[in-house]
């Protein structure tokens, strides 16, 4: 139970960090034409027949990052290679990036790895998932020492 709680806590923190980076990037006008939340919105419309809603897309983003990835990380962390939780988190980040590149982007109509949006999409998503992985691993490791 403690591992699950740590995973959710670490997943929420990591999702919050990459969300803040995204919001700051868009506010600064850096690659304003590429918004992964809009990609999630399009994928949700296609897969779940949801209405066009950025609020729903943000909600899905936080639920997936916090609950799905957080619990999955807590479950897998003892089995991931690497000596530190942060290293394991980085590996988890790459694995989660591959899942997104092979599912969410094709569902949104952007093709595998989002290459329909150009090379910026998969590279920026790789960066985001590496940050996500480093944060989820570091917070999980920190929390394991505290709890």
N, C-alpha and C. Protein backbone atom coordinates (compact mmCIF):
# COMPACT_ATOMS: atom_id res chain seq x y z
N UNK A 1 0.83 -1.21 0.00
CA UNK A 1 0.00 0.00 0.00
C UNK A 1 0.86 1.26 0.00
N UNK A 2 1.95 1.24 0.76
CA UNK A 2 2.83 2.40 0.82
C UNK A 2 3.46 2.65 -0.55
N UNK A 3 3.83 1.58 -1.28
CA UNK A 3 4.41 1.74 -2.62
C UNK A 3 3.40 2.38 -3.57
N UNK A 4 2.15 1.97 -3.49
CA UNK A 4 1.11 2.54 -4.35
C UNK A 4 0.92 4.02 -4.06
N UNK A 5 0.86 4.37 -2.79
CA UNK A 5 0.70 5.78 -2.41
C UNK A 5 1.90 6.61 -2.88
N UNK A 6 3.10 6.06 -2.71
CA UNK A 6 4.29 6.76 -3.19
C UNK A 6 4.26 6.92 -4.70
N UNK A 7 3.81 5.89 -5.40
CA UNK A 7 3.72 5.97 -6.86
C UNK A 7 2.76 7.05 -7.30
N UNK A 8 1.60 7.14 -6.66
CA UNK A 8 0.62 8.17 -7.01
C UNK A 8 1.17 9.56 -6.68
N UNK A 9 1.80 9.69 -5.53
CA UNK A 9 2.39 10.98 -5.15
C UNK A 9 3.48 11.39 -6.15
N UNK A 10 4.33 10.45 -6.50
CA UNK A 10 5.41 10.74 -7.45
C UNK A 10 4.85 11.01 -8.84
N UNK A 11 3.82 10.26 -9.24
CA UNK A 11 3.18 10.48 -10.54
C UNK A 11 2.55 11.85 -10.64
N UNK A 12 1.87 12.27 -9.57
CA UNK A 12 1.26 13.60 -9.57
C UNK A 12 2.32 14.69 -9.67
N UNK A 13 3.39 14.55 -8.90
CA UNK A 13 4.45 15.56 -8.91
C UNK A 13 5.09 15.64 -10.30
N UNK A 14 5.38 14.49 -10.89
CA UNK A 14 6.00 14.47 -12.21
C UNK A 14 5.06 15.06 -13.27
N UNK A 15 3.78 14.74 -13.17
CA UNK A 15 2.80 15.28 -14.12
C UNK A 15 2.68 16.80 -13.95
N UNK A 16 2.70 17.26 -12.72
CA UNK A 16 2.65 18.70 -12.46
C UNK A 16 3.87 19.41 -13.05
N UNK A 17 5.05 18.84 -12.88
CA UNK A 17 6.27 19.46 -13.39
C UNK A 17 6.23 19.57 -14.92
N UNK A 18 5.89 18.47 -15.61
CA UNK A 18 5.90 18.57 -17.07
C UNK A 18 4.75 19.45 -17.57
N UNK A 19 3.66 19.51 -16.81
CA UNK A 19 2.55 20.40 -17.19
C UNK A 19 2.97 21.86 -17.07
N UNK A 20 3.68 22.20 -16.00
CA UNK A 20 4.17 23.57 -15.85
C UNK A 20 5.15 23.94 -16.95
N UNK A 21 6.02 23.01 -17.32
CA UNK A 21 6.94 23.27 -18.42
C UNK A 21 6.16 23.52 -19.71
N UNK A 22 5.14 22.73 -19.96
CA UNK A 22 4.31 22.90 -21.15
C UNK A 22 3.63 24.27 -21.17
N UNK A 23 3.01 24.61 -20.05
CA UNK A 23 2.31 25.90 -19.97
C UNK A 23 3.28 27.06 -20.16
N UNK A 24 4.44 26.98 -19.52
CA UNK A 24 5.45 28.04 -19.67
C UNK A 24 5.96 28.12 -21.10
N UNK A 25 6.17 26.97 -21.73
CA UNK A 25 6.62 26.95 -23.12
C UNK A 25 5.60 27.62 -24.03
N UNK A 26 4.35 27.27 -23.86
CA UNK A 26 3.30 27.86 -24.70
C UNK A 26 3.14 29.35 -24.42
N UNK A 27 3.22 29.75 -23.15
CA UNK A 27 3.10 31.17 -22.79
C UNK A 27 4.25 31.98 -23.36
N UNK A 28 5.42 31.36 -23.46
CA UNK A 28 6.59 32.06 -24.01
C UNK A 28 6.59 32.06 -25.53
N UNK A 29 5.62 31.37 -26.13
CA UNK A 29 5.53 31.34 -27.58
C UNK A 29 6.55 30.40 -28.23
N UNK A 30 7.07 29.45 -27.46
CA UNK A 30 8.03 28.50 -28.01
C UNK A 30 7.26 27.34 -28.61
N UNK A 31 7.43 27.15 -29.88
CA UNK A 31 6.71 26.12 -30.65
C UNK A 31 5.21 26.16 -30.33
N UNK A 32 4.58 27.32 -30.53
CA UNK A 32 3.17 27.45 -30.13
C UNK A 32 2.22 26.57 -30.92
N UNK A 33 2.63 26.12 -32.09
CA UNK A 33 1.76 25.30 -32.92
C UNK A 33 1.68 23.85 -32.43
N UNK A 34 2.52 23.48 -31.47
CA UNK A 34 2.52 22.10 -30.99
C UNK A 34 2.10 22.06 -29.52
N UNK A 35 0.90 21.52 -29.28
CA UNK A 35 0.35 21.42 -27.93
C UNK A 35 -0.06 19.97 -27.68
N UNK A 36 0.71 19.21 -26.87
CA UNK A 36 0.37 17.81 -26.63
C UNK A 36 -0.99 17.60 -25.98
N UNK A 37 -1.49 18.60 -25.28
CA UNK A 37 -2.82 18.47 -24.68
C UNK A 37 -3.88 18.46 -25.79
N UNK A 38 -3.64 19.21 -26.83
CA UNK A 38 -4.56 19.18 -27.98
C UNK A 38 -4.50 17.81 -28.66
N UNK A 39 -3.32 17.22 -28.72
CA UNK A 39 -3.18 15.87 -29.27
C UNK A 39 -3.99 14.89 -28.42
N UNK A 40 -3.89 15.03 -27.09
CA UNK A 40 -4.67 14.17 -26.19
C UNK A 40 -6.17 14.41 -26.41
N UNK A 41 -6.56 15.65 -26.61
CA UNK A 41 -7.95 15.98 -26.88
C UNK A 41 -8.44 15.25 -28.14
N UNK A 42 -7.65 15.30 -29.20
CA UNK A 42 -8.02 14.63 -30.46
C UNK A 42 -8.07 13.12 -30.29
N UNK A 43 -7.11 12.55 -29.55
CA UNK A 43 -7.11 11.11 -29.32
C UNK A 43 -8.33 10.69 -28.51
N UNK A 44 -8.69 11.48 -27.49
CA UNK A 44 -9.87 11.16 -26.68
C UNK A 44 -11.14 11.23 -27.52
N UNK A 45 -11.22 12.21 -28.41
CA UNK A 45 -12.38 12.32 -29.29
C UNK A 45 -12.49 11.08 -30.17
N UNK A 46 -11.35 10.62 -30.70
CA UNK A 46 -11.36 9.48 -31.60
C UNK A 46 -11.62 8.17 -30.85
N UNK A 47 -10.93 7.98 -29.74
CA UNK A 47 -11.01 6.71 -29.01
C UNK A 47 -12.26 6.60 -28.15
N UNK A 48 -12.61 7.69 -27.46
CA UNK A 48 -13.71 7.65 -26.49
C UNK A 48 -14.96 8.40 -26.96
N UNK A 49 -14.90 8.98 -28.14
CA UNK A 49 -16.00 9.80 -28.67
C UNK A 49 -16.38 10.92 -27.71
N UNK A 50 -15.37 11.53 -27.09
CA UNK A 50 -15.62 12.64 -26.17
C UNK A 50 -15.84 13.92 -26.97
N UNK A 51 -16.45 14.92 -26.35
CA UNK A 51 -16.57 16.22 -27.02
C UNK A 51 -15.21 16.91 -27.08
N UNK A 52 -15.11 17.91 -27.91
CA UNK A 52 -13.90 18.73 -28.00
C UNK A 52 -13.78 19.52 -26.70
N UNK A 53 -12.82 19.13 -25.85
CA UNK A 53 -12.71 19.76 -24.54
C UNK A 53 -11.27 19.70 -24.03
N UNK A 54 -10.65 20.86 -23.93
CA UNK A 54 -9.30 20.91 -23.38
C UNK A 54 -9.32 20.62 -21.87
N UNK A 55 -10.42 20.96 -21.19
CA UNK A 55 -10.53 20.65 -19.77
C UNK A 55 -10.53 19.13 -19.58
N UNK A 56 -11.27 18.42 -20.41
CA UNK A 56 -11.28 16.96 -20.33
C UNK A 56 -9.90 16.41 -20.67
N UNK A 57 -9.24 16.97 -21.68
CA UNK A 57 -7.90 16.50 -22.06
C UNK A 57 -6.90 16.70 -20.92
N UNK A 58 -6.95 17.87 -20.26
CA UNK A 58 -6.07 18.11 -19.11
C UNK A 58 -6.38 17.12 -17.99
N UNK A 59 -7.67 16.84 -17.77
CA UNK A 59 -8.07 15.89 -16.73
C UNK A 59 -7.52 14.50 -17.04
N UNK A 60 -7.66 14.07 -18.27
CA UNK A 60 -7.12 12.77 -18.68
C UNK A 60 -5.62 12.75 -18.48
N UNK A 61 -4.95 13.83 -18.88
CA UNK A 61 -3.49 13.96 -18.73
C UNK A 61 -3.09 13.75 -17.27
N UNK A 62 -3.78 14.40 -16.35
CA UNK A 62 -3.43 14.27 -14.93
C UNK A 62 -3.80 12.91 -14.35
N UNK A 63 -4.92 12.35 -14.75
CA UNK A 63 -5.30 11.03 -14.25
C UNK A 63 -4.31 9.97 -14.75
N UNK A 64 -3.97 10.03 -16.02
CA UNK A 64 -3.02 9.05 -16.57
C UNK A 64 -1.65 9.21 -15.91
N UNK A 65 -1.15 10.45 -15.83
CA UNK A 65 0.17 10.68 -15.23
C UNK A 65 0.23 10.32 -13.76
N UNK A 66 -0.83 10.67 -13.04
CA UNK A 66 -0.85 10.45 -11.59
C UNK A 66 -1.17 9.01 -11.23
N UNK A 67 -2.29 8.53 -11.72
CA UNK A 67 -2.79 7.22 -11.30
C UNK A 67 -2.19 6.09 -12.13
N UNK A 68 -2.35 6.16 -13.45
CA UNK A 68 -1.90 5.05 -14.29
C UNK A 68 -0.38 4.90 -14.24
N UNK A 69 0.34 5.97 -14.63
CA UNK A 69 1.80 5.88 -14.65
C UNK A 69 2.36 5.77 -13.23
N UNK A 70 1.75 6.48 -12.28
CA UNK A 70 2.24 6.44 -10.90
C UNK A 70 2.14 5.04 -10.30
N UNK A 71 0.99 4.40 -10.46
CA UNK A 71 0.82 3.04 -9.94
C UNK A 71 1.68 2.03 -10.70
N UNK A 72 1.76 2.21 -12.00
CA UNK A 72 2.59 1.30 -12.80
C UNK A 72 4.06 1.42 -12.41
N UNK A 73 4.51 2.65 -12.17
CA UNK A 73 5.90 2.83 -11.73
C UNK A 73 6.13 2.14 -10.39
N UNK A 74 5.21 2.34 -9.45
CA UNK A 74 5.34 1.71 -8.13
C UNK A 74 5.38 0.19 -8.24
N UNK A 75 4.63 -0.35 -9.17
CA UNK A 75 4.60 -1.79 -9.38
C UNK A 75 5.90 -2.29 -10.02
N UNK A 76 6.42 -1.53 -10.97
CA UNK A 76 7.58 -1.99 -11.74
C UNK A 76 8.93 -1.59 -11.16
N UNK A 77 8.99 -0.56 -10.32
CA UNK A 77 10.28 -0.02 -9.88
C UNK A 77 11.22 -1.07 -9.30
N UNK A 78 10.74 -2.06 -8.55
CA UNK A 78 11.70 -3.04 -8.03
C UNK A 78 12.32 -3.90 -9.13
N UNK A 79 11.68 -3.96 -10.29
CA UNK A 79 12.12 -4.84 -11.37
C UNK A 79 12.86 -4.10 -12.48
N UNK A 80 12.88 -2.78 -12.42
CA UNK A 80 13.57 -2.00 -13.45
C UNK A 80 15.08 -2.02 -13.20
N UNK A 81 15.85 -2.06 -14.29
CA UNK A 81 17.30 -2.00 -14.10
C UNK A 81 17.73 -0.61 -13.62
N UNK A 82 18.88 -0.55 -13.04
CA UNK A 82 19.38 0.72 -12.52
C UNK A 82 19.51 0.65 -11.01
N UNK A 83 20.50 1.38 -10.50
CA UNK A 83 20.76 1.32 -9.06
C UNK A 83 19.95 2.33 -8.26
N UNK A 84 19.53 3.41 -8.91
CA UNK A 84 18.83 4.46 -8.17
C UNK A 84 17.41 4.61 -8.68
N UNK A 85 16.51 5.10 -7.85
CA UNK A 85 15.14 5.34 -8.31
C UNK A 85 15.08 6.34 -9.48
N UNK A 86 15.98 7.33 -9.48
CA UNK A 86 15.97 8.31 -10.57
C UNK A 86 16.35 7.64 -11.89
N UNK A 87 17.36 6.79 -11.86
CA UNK A 87 17.77 6.06 -13.08
C UNK A 87 16.62 5.17 -13.55
N UNK A 88 15.97 4.49 -12.62
CA UNK A 88 14.83 3.65 -12.98
C UNK A 88 13.69 4.50 -13.55
N UNK A 89 13.53 5.69 -12.99
CA UNK A 89 12.52 6.61 -13.50
C UNK A 89 12.81 7.05 -14.93
N UNK A 90 14.07 7.32 -15.24
CA UNK A 90 14.45 7.70 -16.61
C UNK A 90 14.11 6.57 -17.58
N UNK A 91 14.41 5.35 -17.19
CA UNK A 91 14.07 4.21 -18.05
C UNK A 91 12.56 4.06 -18.20
N UNK A 92 11.85 4.29 -17.13
CA UNK A 92 10.39 4.25 -17.17
C UNK A 92 9.87 5.36 -18.07
N UNK A 93 10.50 6.53 -18.02
CA UNK A 93 10.10 7.64 -18.88
C UNK A 93 10.24 7.30 -20.35
N UNK A 94 11.32 6.64 -20.71
CA UNK A 94 11.52 6.23 -22.11
C UNK A 94 10.45 5.22 -22.51
N UNK A 95 10.17 4.26 -21.63
CA UNK A 95 9.14 3.26 -21.92
C UNK A 95 7.76 3.92 -22.08
N UNK A 96 7.44 4.87 -21.20
CA UNK A 96 6.14 5.54 -21.31
C UNK A 96 6.07 6.38 -22.57
N UNK A 97 7.20 6.98 -22.97
CA UNK A 97 7.25 7.74 -24.23
C UNK A 97 6.93 6.82 -25.40
N UNK A 98 7.52 5.63 -25.41
CA UNK A 98 7.25 4.69 -26.50
C UNK A 98 5.77 4.32 -26.56
N UNK A 99 5.16 4.10 -25.40
CA UNK A 99 3.73 3.78 -25.36
C UNK A 99 2.92 4.92 -25.97
N UNK A 100 3.22 6.15 -25.57
CA UNK A 100 2.49 7.32 -26.10
C UNK A 100 2.71 7.47 -27.60
N UNK A 101 3.94 7.28 -28.05
CA UNK A 101 4.25 7.44 -29.47
C UNK A 101 3.54 6.39 -30.34
N UNK A 102 3.28 5.23 -29.76
CA UNK A 102 2.66 4.14 -30.51
C UNK A 102 1.15 4.05 -30.32
N UNK A 103 0.59 4.88 -29.42
CA UNK A 103 -0.85 4.83 -29.18
C UNK A 103 -1.52 6.20 -29.35
N UNK A 104 -1.16 7.15 -28.52
CA UNK A 104 -1.87 8.44 -28.49
C UNK A 104 -1.71 9.18 -29.82
N UNK A 105 -0.51 9.30 -30.33
CA UNK A 105 -0.31 10.06 -31.56
C UNK A 105 -1.01 9.43 -32.76
N UNK A 106 -0.92 8.12 -32.96
CA UNK A 106 -1.70 7.55 -34.06
C UNK A 106 -3.21 7.75 -33.89
N UNK A 107 -3.71 7.63 -32.66
CA UNK A 107 -5.14 7.85 -32.43
C UNK A 107 -5.55 9.28 -32.72
N UNK A 108 -4.62 10.21 -32.54
CA UNK A 108 -4.92 11.62 -32.81
C UNK A 108 -4.75 11.96 -34.29
N UNK A 109 -4.36 10.96 -35.09
CA UNK A 109 -4.20 11.20 -36.52
C UNK A 109 -2.85 11.78 -36.91
N UNK A 110 -1.88 11.72 -36.00
CA UNK A 110 -0.56 12.29 -36.26
C UNK A 110 0.46 11.24 -36.67
N UNK A 111 0.05 9.99 -36.76
CA UNK A 111 0.95 8.92 -37.16
C UNK A 111 1.80 8.42 -36.00
N UNK A 112 2.49 7.31 -36.26
CA UNK A 112 3.38 6.77 -35.25
C UNK A 112 4.47 7.77 -34.94
N UNK A 113 4.76 7.92 -33.68
CA UNK A 113 5.76 8.86 -33.17
C UNK A 113 5.40 10.31 -33.48
N UNK A 114 4.17 10.56 -33.89
CA UNK A 114 3.74 11.92 -34.16
C UNK A 114 4.47 12.56 -35.32
N UNK A 115 5.02 11.74 -36.21
CA UNK A 115 5.83 12.29 -37.29
C UNK A 115 5.01 13.11 -38.28
N UNK A 116 3.68 12.99 -38.21
CA UNK A 116 2.83 13.84 -39.03
C UNK A 116 2.93 15.30 -38.60
N UNK A 117 3.42 15.53 -37.39
CA UNK A 117 3.61 16.89 -36.88
C UNK A 117 5.04 17.37 -37.05
N UNK A 118 5.89 16.53 -37.61
CA UNK A 118 7.30 16.87 -37.78
C UNK A 118 8.14 16.24 -36.68
N UNK A 119 9.42 16.47 -36.75
CA UNK A 119 10.36 15.87 -35.81
C UNK A 119 10.28 16.50 -34.42
N UNK A 120 9.75 17.71 -34.32
CA UNK A 120 9.66 18.39 -33.03
C UNK A 120 8.77 17.61 -32.06
N UNK A 121 7.69 17.02 -32.55
CA UNK A 121 6.75 16.32 -31.68
C UNK A 121 7.42 15.16 -30.92
N UNK A 122 8.02 14.20 -31.61
CA UNK A 122 8.61 13.09 -30.84
C UNK A 122 9.80 13.51 -29.99
N UNK A 123 10.59 14.47 -30.46
CA UNK A 123 11.75 14.90 -29.67
C UNK A 123 11.33 15.67 -28.43
N UNK A 124 10.35 16.56 -28.56
CA UNK A 124 9.91 17.31 -27.38
C UNK A 124 9.19 16.39 -26.40
N UNK A 125 8.47 15.40 -26.93
CA UNK A 125 7.80 14.44 -26.05
C UNK A 125 8.82 13.54 -25.35
N UNK A 126 9.90 13.20 -26.03
CA UNK A 126 10.95 12.42 -25.38
C UNK A 126 11.55 13.23 -24.23
N UNK A 127 11.83 14.51 -24.48
CA UNK A 127 12.35 15.38 -23.43
C UNK A 127 11.37 15.42 -22.24
N UNK A 128 10.09 15.62 -22.54
CA UNK A 128 9.08 15.69 -21.47
C UNK A 128 9.01 14.39 -20.68
N UNK A 129 9.08 13.26 -21.37
CA UNK A 129 9.01 11.98 -20.67
C UNK A 129 10.29 11.68 -19.90
N UNK A 130 11.42 12.19 -20.36
CA UNK A 130 12.65 12.04 -19.57
C UNK A 130 12.56 12.86 -18.28
N UNK A 131 12.02 14.08 -18.40
CA UNK A 131 11.81 14.90 -17.20
C UNK A 131 10.80 14.20 -16.28
N UNK A 132 9.70 13.73 -16.86
CA UNK A 132 8.70 13.00 -16.09
C UNK A 132 9.34 11.82 -15.36
N UNK A 133 10.13 11.03 -16.08
CA UNK A 133 10.77 9.87 -15.49
C UNK A 133 11.74 10.22 -14.38
N UNK A 134 12.56 11.26 -14.61
CA UNK A 134 13.52 11.67 -13.58
C UNK A 134 12.78 12.14 -12.33
N UNK A 135 11.71 12.89 -12.51
CA UNK A 135 10.95 13.41 -11.35
C UNK A 135 10.21 12.28 -10.64
N UNK A 136 9.55 11.41 -11.39
CA UNK A 136 8.80 10.33 -10.72
C UNK A 136 9.77 9.44 -9.94
N UNK A 137 10.94 9.17 -10.51
CA UNK A 137 11.92 8.35 -9.81
C UNK A 137 12.49 9.03 -8.58
N UNK A 138 12.85 10.29 -8.74
CA UNK A 138 13.45 11.04 -7.61
C UNK A 138 12.45 11.20 -6.47
N UNK A 139 11.21 11.56 -6.79
CA UNK A 139 10.20 11.74 -5.73
C UNK A 139 9.87 10.42 -5.08
N UNK A 140 9.78 9.37 -5.88
CA UNK A 140 9.51 8.04 -5.31
C UNK A 140 10.65 7.65 -4.36
N UNK A 141 11.88 7.84 -4.79
CA UNK A 141 13.03 7.51 -3.94
C UNK A 141 13.06 8.35 -2.68
N UNK A 142 12.77 9.63 -2.82
CA UNK A 142 12.74 10.52 -1.65
C UNK A 142 11.64 10.07 -0.69
N UNK A 143 10.47 9.79 -1.23
CA UNK A 143 9.34 9.38 -0.39
C UNK A 143 9.58 8.05 0.29
N UNK A 144 10.29 7.16 -0.39
CA UNK A 144 10.60 5.86 0.20
C UNK A 144 11.49 6.02 1.44
N UNK A 145 12.37 7.00 1.38
CA UNK A 145 13.24 7.26 2.52
C UNK A 145 12.49 7.96 3.67
N UNK A 146 11.43 8.70 3.34
CA UNK A 146 10.68 9.47 4.35
C UNK A 146 9.62 8.60 5.03
N UNK A 147 8.92 7.81 4.22
CA UNK A 147 7.78 7.02 4.76
C UNK A 147 8.25 5.82 5.52
